[in-house]
Amino acid sequence: MSALRHYQSGALAAKDFLCRTHIDARAGRPFVAMRLRSKIDGITHALPREFRAGFIDAIYLFIAAALQGKAPDLLQWDVLAEVERTS
């Protein structure tokens, strides 16, 4: 698998993580800060560093947009287009 595909897979995994976290928050489940760290460490330890980079970059893009008051709709968010646009 190419470095680009690993990076894109990491970005898509981050979007999935954000969607699940958002669903949990809407259901009133408490946010557990360790969950993000555990997710990053748990799924990326055996994967190429490009996967981890894609995961972290996608999380960053979402947080940056949210802090600007422009959080994307996670169901509609084209994370791959966004990471490509910002690279």
PDB file of N, CA and C in Angstrom:
ATOM      1  N   MET A   1       0.849  -1.175   0.000  1.00  0.00           N
ATOM      2  CA  MET A   1       0.000   0.000   0.000  1.00  0.00           C
ATOM      3  C   MET A   1       0.898   1.243   0.000  1.00  0.00           C
ATOM      4  N   SER A   2       0.526   2.217  -0.771  1.00  0.00           N
ATOM      5  CA  SER A   2       1.352   3.418  -0.885  1.00  0.00           C
ATOM      6  C   SER A   2       1.208   4.317   0.341  1.00  0.00           C
ATOM      7  N   ALA A   3       2.163   5.209   0.491  1.00  0.00           N
ATOM      8  CA  ALA A   3       2.142   6.148   1.613  1.00  0.00           C
ATOM      9  C   ALA A   3       0.869   6.995   1.574  1.00  0.00           C
ATOM     10  N   LEU A   4       0.451   7.406   0.382  1.00  0.00           N
ATOM     11  CA  LEU A   4      -0.759   8.214   0.254  1.00  0.00           C
ATOM     12  C   LEU A   4      -1.989   7.446   0.710  1.00  0.00           C
ATOM     13  N   ARG A   5      -2.089   6.186   0.349  1.00  0.00           N
ATOM     14  CA  ARG A   5      -3.244   5.374   0.768  1.00  0.00           C
ATOM     15  C   ARG A   5      -3.256   5.186   2.284  1.00  0.00           C
ATOM     16  N   HIS A   6      -2.099   4.996   2.880  1.00  0.00           N
ATOM     17  CA  HIS A   6      -2.030   4.879   4.344  1.00  0.00           C
ATOM     18  C   HIS A   6      -2.500   6.187   4.987  1.00  0.00           C
ATOM     19  N   TYR A   7      -2.031   7.300   4.451  1.00  0.00           N
ATOM     20  CA  TYR A   7      -2.415   8.617   4.971  1.00  0.00           C
ATOM     21  C   TYR A   7      -3.928   8.803   4.862  1.00  0.00           C
ATOM     22  N   GLN A   8      -4.489   8.485   3.711  1.00  0.00           N
ATOM     23  CA  GLN A   8      -5.928   8.628   3.507  1.00  0.00           C
ATOM     24  C   GLN A   8      -6.715   7.698   4.427  1.00  0.00           C
ATOM     25  N   SER A   9      -6.225   6.492   4.623  1.00  0.00           N
ATOM     26  CA  SER A   9      -6.891   5.553   5.537  1.00  0.00           C
ATOM     27  C   SER A   9      -6.893   6.094   6.961  1.00  0.00           C
ATOM     28  N   GLY A  10      -5.803   6.727   7.359  1.00  0.00           N
ATOM     29  CA  GLY A  10      -5.744   7.341   8.681  1.00  0.00           C
ATOM     30  C   GLY A  10      -6.733   8.478   8.820  1.00  0.00           C
ATOM     31  N   ALA A  11      -6.861   9.298   7.790  1.00  0.00           N
ATOM     32  CA  ALA A  11      -7.821  10.414   7.818  1.00  0.00           C
ATOM     33  C   ALA A  11      -9.251   9.887   7.912  1.00  0.00           C
ATOM     34  N   LEU A  12      -9.558   8.841   7.163  1.00  0.00           N
ATOM     35  CA  LEU A  12     -10.904   8.257   7.218  1.00  0.00           C
ATOM     36  C   LEU A  12     -11.185   7.626   8.584  1.00  0.00           C
ATOM     37  N   ALA A  13     -10.162   7.011   9.180  1.00  0.00           N
ATOM     38  CA  ALA A  13     -10.329   6.444  10.524  1.00  0.00           C
ATOM     39  C   ALA A  13     -10.605   7.549  11.541  1.00  0.00           C
ATOM     40  N   ALA A  14      -9.972   8.700  11.360  1.00  0.00           N
ATOM     41  CA  ALA A  14     -10.212   9.835  12.263  1.00  0.00           C
ATOM     42  C   ALA A  14     -11.641  10.339  12.120  1.00  0.00           C
ATOM     43  N   LYS A  15     -12.130  10.419  10.893  1.00  0.00           N
ATOM     44  CA  LYS A  15     -13.518  10.862  10.675  1.00  0.00           C
ATOM     45  C   LYS A  15     -14.472   9.889  11.365  1.00  0.00           C
ATOM     46  N   ASP A  16     -14.222   8.603  11.226  1.00  0.00           N
ATOM     47  CA  ASP A  16     -15.052   7.600  11.880  1.00  0.00           C
ATOM     48  C   ASP A  16     -15.004   7.772  13.399  1.00  0.00           C
ATOM     49  N   PHE A  17     -13.819   7.997  13.928  1.00  0.00           N
ATOM     50  CA  PHE A  17     -13.665   8.227  15.366  1.00  0.00           C
ATOM     51  C   PHE A  17     -14.471   9.454  15.807  1.00  0.00           C
ATOM     52  N   LEU A  18     -14.378  10.538  15.046  1.00  0.00           N
ATOM     53  CA  LEU A  18     -15.116  11.760  15.380  1.00  0.00           C
ATOM     54  C   LEU A  18     -16.624  11.538  15.317  1.00  0.00           C
ATOM     55  N   CYS A  19     -17.076  10.787  14.337  1.00  0.00           N
ATOM     56  CA  CYS A  19     -18.517  10.486  14.230  1.00  0.00           C
ATOM     57  C   CYS A  19     -18.996   9.709  15.448  1.00  0.00           C
ATOM     58  N   ARG A  20     -18.244   8.685  15.839  1.00  0.00           N
ATOM     59  CA  ARG A  20     -18.641   7.891  17.018  1.00  0.00           C
ATOM     60  C   ARG A  20     -18.603   8.738  18.288  1.00  0.00           C
ATOM     61  N   THR A  21     -17.590   9.592  18.410  1.00  0.00           N
ATOM     62  CA  THR A  21     -17.489  10.450  19.588  1.00  0.00           C
ATOM     63  C   THR A  21     -18.661  11.435  19.633  1.00  0.00           C
ATOM     64  N   HIS A  22     -19.051  11.964  18.492  1.00  0.00           N
ATOM     65  CA  HIS A  22     -20.181  12.893  18.413  1.00  0.00           C
ATOM     66  C   HIS A  22     -21.486  12.196  18.794  1.00  0.00           C
ATOM     67  N   ILE A  23     -21.681  10.994  18.305  1.00  0.00           N
ATOM     68  CA  ILE A  23     -22.881  10.220  18.657  1.00  0.00           C
ATOM     69  C   ILE A  23     -22.916   9.963  20.156  1.00  0.00           C
ATOM     70  N   ASP A  24     -21.780   9.590  20.723  1.00  0.00           N
ATOM     71  CA  ASP A  24     -21.710   9.359  22.171  1.00  0.00           C
ATOM     72  C   ASP A  24     -22.058  10.623  22.944  1.00  0.00           C
ATOM     73  N   ALA A  25     -21.546  11.763  22.501  1.00  0.00           N
ATOM     74  CA  ALA A  25     -21.813  13.034  23.192  1.00  0.00           C
ATOM     75  C   ALA A  25     -23.295  13.383  23.124  1.00  0.00           C
ATOM     76  N   ARG A  26     -23.903  13.184  21.971  1.00  0.00           N
ATOM     77  CA  ARG A  26     -25.334  13.489  21.821  1.00  0.00           C
ATOM     78  C   ARG A  26     -26.199  12.558  22.659  1.00  0.00           C
ATOM     79  N   ALA A  27     -25.691  11.357  22.933  1.00  0.00           N
ATOM     80  CA  ALA A  27     -26.421  10.399  23.755  1.00  0.00           C
ATOM     81  C   ALA A  27     -26.179  10.634  25.242  1.00  0.00           C
ATOM     82  N   GLY A  28     -25.370  11.658  25.557  1.00  0.00           N
ATOM     83  CA  GLY A  28     -25.116  11.989  26.953  1.00  0.00           C
ATOM     84  C   GLY A  28     -24.004  11.197  27.595  1.00  0.00           C
ATOM     85  N   ARG A  29     -23.276  10.433  26.805  1.00  0.00           N
ATOM     86  CA  ARG A  29     -22.147   9.693  27.368  1.00  0.00           C
ATOM     87  C   ARG A  29     -20.997  10.660  27.603  1.00  0.00           C
ATOM     88  N   PRO A  30     -20.323  10.543  28.723  1.00  0.00           N
ATOM     89  CA  PRO A  30     -19.236  11.488  29.026  1.00  0.00           C
ATOM     90  C   PRO A  30     -18.043  11.293  28.094  1.00  0.00           C
ATOM     91  N   PHE A  31     -17.380  12.404  27.810  1.00  0.00           N
ATOM     92  CA  PHE A  31     -16.161  12.356  26.999  1.00  0.00           C
ATOM     93  C   PHE A  31     -15.025  11.869  27.875  1.00  0.00           C
ATOM     94  N   VAL A  32     -14.267  10.953  27.362  1.00  0.00           N
ATOM     95  CA  VAL A  32     -13.112  10.411  28.075  1.00  0.00           C
ATOM     96  C   VAL A  32     -11.866  10.816  27.291  1.00  0.00           C
ATOM     97  N   ALA A  33     -11.096  11.732  27.863  1.00  0.00           N
ATOM     98  CA  ALA A  33      -9.928  12.267  27.162  1.00  0.00           C
ATOM     99  C   ALA A  33      -8.949  11.176  26.761  1.00  0.00           C
ATOM    100  N   MET A  34      -8.807  10.176  27.557  1.00  0.00           N
ATOM    101  CA  MET A  34      -7.875   9.089  27.254  1.00  0.00           C
ATOM    102  C   MET A  34      -8.298   8.322  26.008  1.00  0.00           C
ATOM    103  N   ARG A  35      -9.555   8.440  25.631  1.00  0.00           N
ATOM    104  CA  ARG A  35     -10.048   7.684  24.489  1.00  0.00           C
ATOM    105  C   ARG A  35      -9.311   8.074  23.198  1.00  0.00           C
ATOM    106  N   LEU A  36      -9.077   9.357  22.991  1.00  0.00           N
ATOM    107  CA  LEU A  36      -8.361   9.781  21.791  1.00  0.00           C
ATOM    108  C   LEU A  36      -6.941   9.241  21.800  1.00  0.00           C
ATOM    109  N   ARG A  37      -6.262   9.395  22.915  1.00  0.00           N
ATOM    110  CA  ARG A  37      -4.890   8.897  23.013  1.00  0.00           C
ATOM    111  C   ARG A  37      -4.858   7.382  22.826  1.00  0.00           C
ATOM    112  N   SER A  38      -5.799   6.683  23.448  1.00  0.00           N
ATOM    113  CA  SER A  38      -5.862   5.231  23.310  1.00  0.00           C
ATOM    114  C   SER A  38      -6.142   4.829  21.873  1.00  0.00           C
ATOM    115  N   LYS A  39      -7.032   5.564  21.214  1.00  0.00           N
ATOM    116  CA  LYS A  39      -7.365   5.270  19.819  1.00  0.00           C
ATOM    117  C   LYS A  39      -6.134   5.454  18.937  1.00  0.00           C
ATOM    118  N   ILE A  40      -5.466   6.568  19.105  1.00  0.00           N
ATOM    119  CA  ILE A  40      -4.271   6.828  18.298  1.00  0.00           C
ATOM    120  C   ILE A  40      -3.226   5.751  18.536  1.00  0.00           C
ATOM    121  N   ASP A  41      -2.943   5.476  19.785  1.00  0.00           N
ATOM    122  CA  ASP A  41      -1.918   4.480  20.106  1.00  0.00           C
ATOM    123  C   ASP A  41      -2.362   3.067  19.730  1.00  0.00           C
ATOM    124  N   GLY A  42      -3.628   2.768  19.990  1.00  0.00           N
ATOM    125  CA  GLY A  42      -4.133   1.421  19.769  1.00  0.00           C
ATOM    126  C   GLY A  42      -4.179   0.999  18.316  1.00  0.00           C
ATOM    127  N   ILE A  43      -4.574   1.912  17.443  1.00  0.00           N
ATOM    128  CA  ILE A  43      -4.704   1.485  16.051  1.00  0.00           C
ATOM    129  C   ILE A  43      -3.501   1.833  15.194  1.00  0.00           C
ATOM    130  N   THR A  44      -2.626   2.673  15.698  1.00  0.00           N
ATOM    131  CA  THR A  44      -1.519   3.094  14.839  1.00  0.00           C
ATOM    132  C   THR A  44      -0.184   2.442  15.168  1.00  0.00           C
ATOM    133  N   HIS A  45      -0.089   1.752  16.291  1.00  0.00           N
ATOM    134  CA  HIS A  45       1.220   1.225  16.680  1.00  0.00           C
ATOM    135  C   HIS A  45       1.790   0.238  15.661  1.00  0.00           C
ATOM    136  N   ALA A  46       0.954  -0.521  14.990  1.00  0.00           N
ATOM    137  CA  ALA A  46       1.438  -1.515  14.032  1.00  0.00           C
ATOM    138  C   ALA A  46       1.289  -1.047  12.589  1.00  0.00           C
ATOM    139  N   LEU A  47       0.874   0.187  12.400  1.00  0.00           N
ATOM    140  CA  LEU A  47       0.652   0.718  11.052  1.00  0.00           C
ATOM    141  C   LEU A  47       1.731   1.728  10.694  1.00  0.00           C
ATOM    142  N   PRO A  48       1.880   1.992   9.415  1.00  0.00           N
ATOM    143  CA  PRO A  48       2.900   2.968   8.993  1.00  0.00           C
ATOM    144  C   PRO A  48       2.641   4.357   9.575  1.00  0.00           C
ATOM    145  N   ARG A  49       3.699   5.129   9.703  1.00  0.00           N
ATOM    146  CA  ARG A  49       3.572   6.468  10.287  1.00  0.00           C
ATOM    147  C   ARG A  49       2.687   7.378   9.445  1.00  0.00           C
ATOM    148  N   GLU A  50       2.534   7.079   8.151  1.00  0.00           N
ATOM    149  CA  GLU A  50       1.646   7.878   7.305  1.00  0.00           C
ATOM    150  C   GLU A  50       0.188   7.746   7.747  1.00  0.00           C
ATOM    151  N   PHE A  51      -0.202   6.558   8.227  1.00  0.00           N
ATOM    152  CA  PHE A  51      -1.557   6.361   8.748  1.00  0.00           C
ATOM    153  C   PHE A  51      -1.775   7.270   9.953  1.00  0.00           C
ATOM    154  N   ARG A  52      -0.822   7.233  10.877  1.00  0.00           N
ATOM    155  CA  ARG A  52      -0.911   8.076  12.076  1.00  0.00           C
ATOM    156  C   ARG A  52      -0.961   9.553  11.697  1.00  0.00           C
ATOM    157  N   ALA A  53      -0.167   9.956  10.714  1.00  0.00           N
ATOM    158  CA  ALA A  53      -0.164  11.356  10.273  1.00  0.00           C
ATOM    159  C   ALA A  53      -1.525  11.748   9.712  1.00  0.00           C
ATOM    160  N   GLY A  54      -2.127  10.900   8.904  1.00  0.00           N
ATOM    161  CA  GLY A  54      -3.452  11.191   8.351  1.00  0.00           C
ATOM    162  C   GLY A  54      -4.502  11.294   9.437  1.00  0.00           C
ATOM    163  N   PHE A  55      -4.422  10.406  10.435  1.00  0.00           N
ATOM    164  CA  PHE A  55      -5.375  10.425  11.550  1.00  0.00           C
ATOM    165  C   PHE A  55      -5.259  11.740  12.318  1.00  0.00           C
ATOM    166  N   ILE A  56      -4.048  12.093  12.694  1.00  0.00           N
ATOM    167  CA  ILE A  56      -3.829  13.302  13.490  1.00  0.00           C
ATOM    168  C   ILE A  56      -4.158  14.565  12.683  1.00  0.00           C
ATOM    169  N   ASP A  57      -3.783  14.595  11.415  1.00  0.00           N
ATOM    170  CA  ASP A  57      -4.081  15.770  10.590  1.00  0.00           C
ATOM    171  C   ASP A  57      -5.587  15.989  10.460  1.00  0.00           C
ATOM    172  N   ALA A  58      -6.341  14.925  10.278  1.00  0.00           N
ATOM    173  CA  ALA A  58      -7.800  15.062  10.154  1.00  0.00           C
ATOM    174  C   ALA A  58      -8.418  15.564  11.466  1.00  0.00           C
ATOM    175  N   ILE A  59      -7.958  15.039  12.588  1.00  0.00           N
ATOM    176  CA  ILE A  59      -8.442  15.518  13.889  1.00  0.00           C
ATOM    177  C   ILE A  59      -8.122  17.009  14.024  1.00  0.00           C
ATOM    178  N   TYR A  60      -6.904  17.392  13.663  1.00  0.00           N
ATOM    179  CA  TYR A  60      -6.502  18.798  13.736  1.00  0.00           C
ATOM    180  C   TYR A  60      -7.403  19.676  12.864  1.00  0.00           C
ATOM    181  N   LEU A  61      -7.661  19.259  11.634  1.00  0.00           N
ATOM    182  CA  LEU A  61      -8.499  20.063  10.742  1.00  0.00           C
ATOM    183  C   LEU A  61      -9.903  20.257  11.310  1.00  0.00           C
ATOM    184  N   PHE A  62     -10.445  19.204  11.911  1.00  0.00           N
ATOM    185  CA  PHE A  62     -11.766  19.323  12.511  1.00  0.00           C
ATOM    186  C   PHE A  62     -11.734  20.295  13.693  1.00  0.00           C
ATOM    187  N   ILE A  63     -10.751  20.146  14.566  1.00  0.00           N
ATOM    188  CA  ILE A  63     -10.650  21.026  15.739  1.00  0.00           C
ATOM    189  C   ILE A  63     -10.435  22.471  15.306  1.00  0.00           C
ATOM    190  N   ALA A  64      -9.566  22.698  14.336  1.00  0.00           N
ATOM    191  CA  ALA A  64      -9.304  24.060  13.853  1.00  0.00           C
ATOM    192  C   ALA A  64     -10.580  24.696  13.314  1.00  0.00           C
ATOM    193  N   ALA A  65     -11.349  23.943  12.538  1.00  0.00           N
ATOM    194  CA  ALA A  65     -12.610  24.469  11.998  1.00  0.00           C
ATOM    195  C   ALA A  65     -13.609  24.744  13.131  1.00  0.00           C
ATOM    196  N   ALA A  66     -13.682  23.844  14.090  1.00  0.00           N
ATOM    197  CA  ALA A  66     -14.612  24.024  15.212  1.00  0.00           C
ATOM    198  C   ALA A  66     -14.244  25.254  16.034  1.00  0.00           C
ATOM    199  N   LEU A  67     -12.967  25.475  16.246  1.00  0.00           N
ATOM    200  CA  LEU A  67     -12.533  26.646  17.012  1.00  0.00           C
ATOM    201  C   LEU A  67     -12.818  27.947  16.281  1.00  0.00           C
ATOM    202  N   GLN A  68     -12.951  27.879  14.969  1.00  0.00           N
ATOM    203  CA  GLN A  68     -13.309  29.056  14.176  1.00  0.00           C
ATOM    204  C   GLN A  68     -14.825  29.186  14.050  1.00  0.00           C
ATOM    205  N   GLY A  69     -15.558  28.301  14.709  1.00  0.00           N
ATOM    206  CA  GLY A  69     -17.018  28.330  14.648  1.00  0.00           C
ATOM    207  C   GLY A  69     -17.572  27.732  13.370  1.00  0.00           C
ATOM    208  N   LYS A  70     -16.771  26.928  12.681  1.00  0.00           N
ATOM    209  CA  LYS A  70     -17.183  26.349  11.404  1.00  0.00           C
ATOM    210  C   LYS A  70     -16.999  24.836  11.400  1.00  0.00           C
ATOM    211  N   ALA A  71     -17.402  24.178  12.461  1.00  0.00           N
ATOM    212  CA  ALA A  71     -17.237  22.726  12.536  1.00  0.00           C
ATOM    213  C   ALA A  71     -18.010  22.065  11.395  1.00  0.00           C
ATOM    214  N   PRO A  72     -17.348  21.195  10.653  1.00  0.00           N
ATOM    215  CA  PRO A  72     -18.045  20.542   9.546  1.00  0.00           C
ATOM    216  C   PRO A  72     -19.084  19.536  10.032  1.00  0.00           C
ATOM    217  N   ASP A  73     -20.105  19.351   9.234  1.00  0.00           N
ATOM    218  CA  ASP A  73     -21.076  18.286   9.482  1.00  0.00           C
ATOM    219  C   ASP A  73     -20.348  16.977   9.206  1.00  0.00           C
ATOM    220  N   LEU A  74     -20.154  16.181  10.229  1.00  0.00           N
ATOM    221  CA  LEU A  74     -19.329  14.984  10.083  1.00  0.00           C
ATOM    222  C   LEU A  74     -19.885  13.997   9.070  1.00  0.00           C
ATOM    223  N   LEU A  75     -21.192  13.948   8.912  1.00  0.00           N
ATOM    224  CA  LEU A  75     -21.762  13.015   7.942  1.00  0.00           C
ATOM    225  C   LEU A  75     -21.523  13.467   6.504  1.00  0.00           C
ATOM    226  N   GLN A  76     -21.372  14.768   6.309  1.00  0.00           N
ATOM    227  CA  GLN A  76     -21.165  15.321   4.972  1.00  0.00           C
ATOM    228  C   GLN A  76     -19.700  15.672   4.688  1.00  0.00           C
ATOM    229  N   TRP A  77     -18.873  15.689   5.697  1.00  0.00           N
ATOM    230  CA  TRP A  77     -17.492  16.148   5.590  1.00  0.00           C
ATOM    231  C   TRP A  77     -16.672  15.255   4.678  1.00  0.00           C
ATOM    232  N   ASP A  78     -16.114  15.832   3.644  1.00  0.00           N
ATOM    233  CA  ASP A  78     -15.220  15.107   2.743  1.00  0.00           C
ATOM    234  C   ASP A  78     -13.793  15.295   3.263  1.00  0.00           C
ATOM    235  N   VAL A  79     -13.445  14.480   4.215  1.00  0.00           N
ATOM    236  CA  VAL A  79     -12.164  14.622   4.901  1.00  0.00           C
ATOM    237  C   VAL A  79     -10.985  14.468   3.932  1.00  0.00           C
ATOM    238  N   LEU A  80     -11.120  13.606   2.936  1.00  0.00           N
ATOM    239  CA  LEU A  80     -10.017  13.413   2.002  1.00  0.00           C
ATOM    240  C   LEU A  80      -9.787  14.674   1.158  1.00  0.00           C
ATOM    241  N   ALA A  81     -10.862  15.312   0.738  1.00  0.00           N
ATOM    242  CA  ALA A  81     -10.721  16.575  -0.019  1.00  0.00           C
ATOM    243  C   ALA A  81     -10.123  17.646   0.862  1.00  0.00           C
ATOM    244  N   GLU A  82     -10.509  17.665   2.122  1.00  0.00           N
ATOM    245  CA  GLU A  82     -10.011  18.689   3.042  1.00  0.00           C
ATOM    246  C   GLU A  82      -8.521  18.530   3.323  1.00  0.00           C
ATOM    247  N   VAL A  83      -8.074  17.303   3.571  1.00  0.00           N
ATOM    248  CA  VAL A  83      -6.640  17.120   3.827  1.00  0.00           C
ATOM    249  C   VAL A  83      -5.832  17.390   2.564  1.00  0.00           C
ATOM    250  N   GLU A  84      -6.395  17.070   1.408  1.00  0.00           N
ATOM    251  CA  GLU A  84      -5.690  17.344   0.161  1.00  0.00           C
ATOM    252  C   GLU A  84      -5.612  18.859  -0.079  1.00  0.00           C
ATOM    253  N   ARG A  85      -6.697  19.556   0.212  1.00  0.00           N
ATOM    254  CA  ARG A  85      -6.743  20.996   0.007  1.00  0.00           C
ATOM    255  C   ARG A  85      -5.727  21.718   0.884  1.00  0.00           C
ATOM    256  N   THR A  86      -5.524  21.235   2.088  1.00  0.00           N
ATOM    257  CA  THR A  86      -4.634  21.920   3.036  1.00  0.00           C
ATOM    258  C   THR A  86      -3.186  21.482   2.947  1.00  0.00           C
ATOM    259  N   SER A  87      -2.912  20.453   2.148  1.00  0.00           N
ATOM    260  CA  SER A  87      -1.515  20.012   2.068  1.00  0.00           C
ATOM    261  C   SER A  87      -0.711  20.792   1.050  1.00  0.00           C
TER     262      SER A  87
END
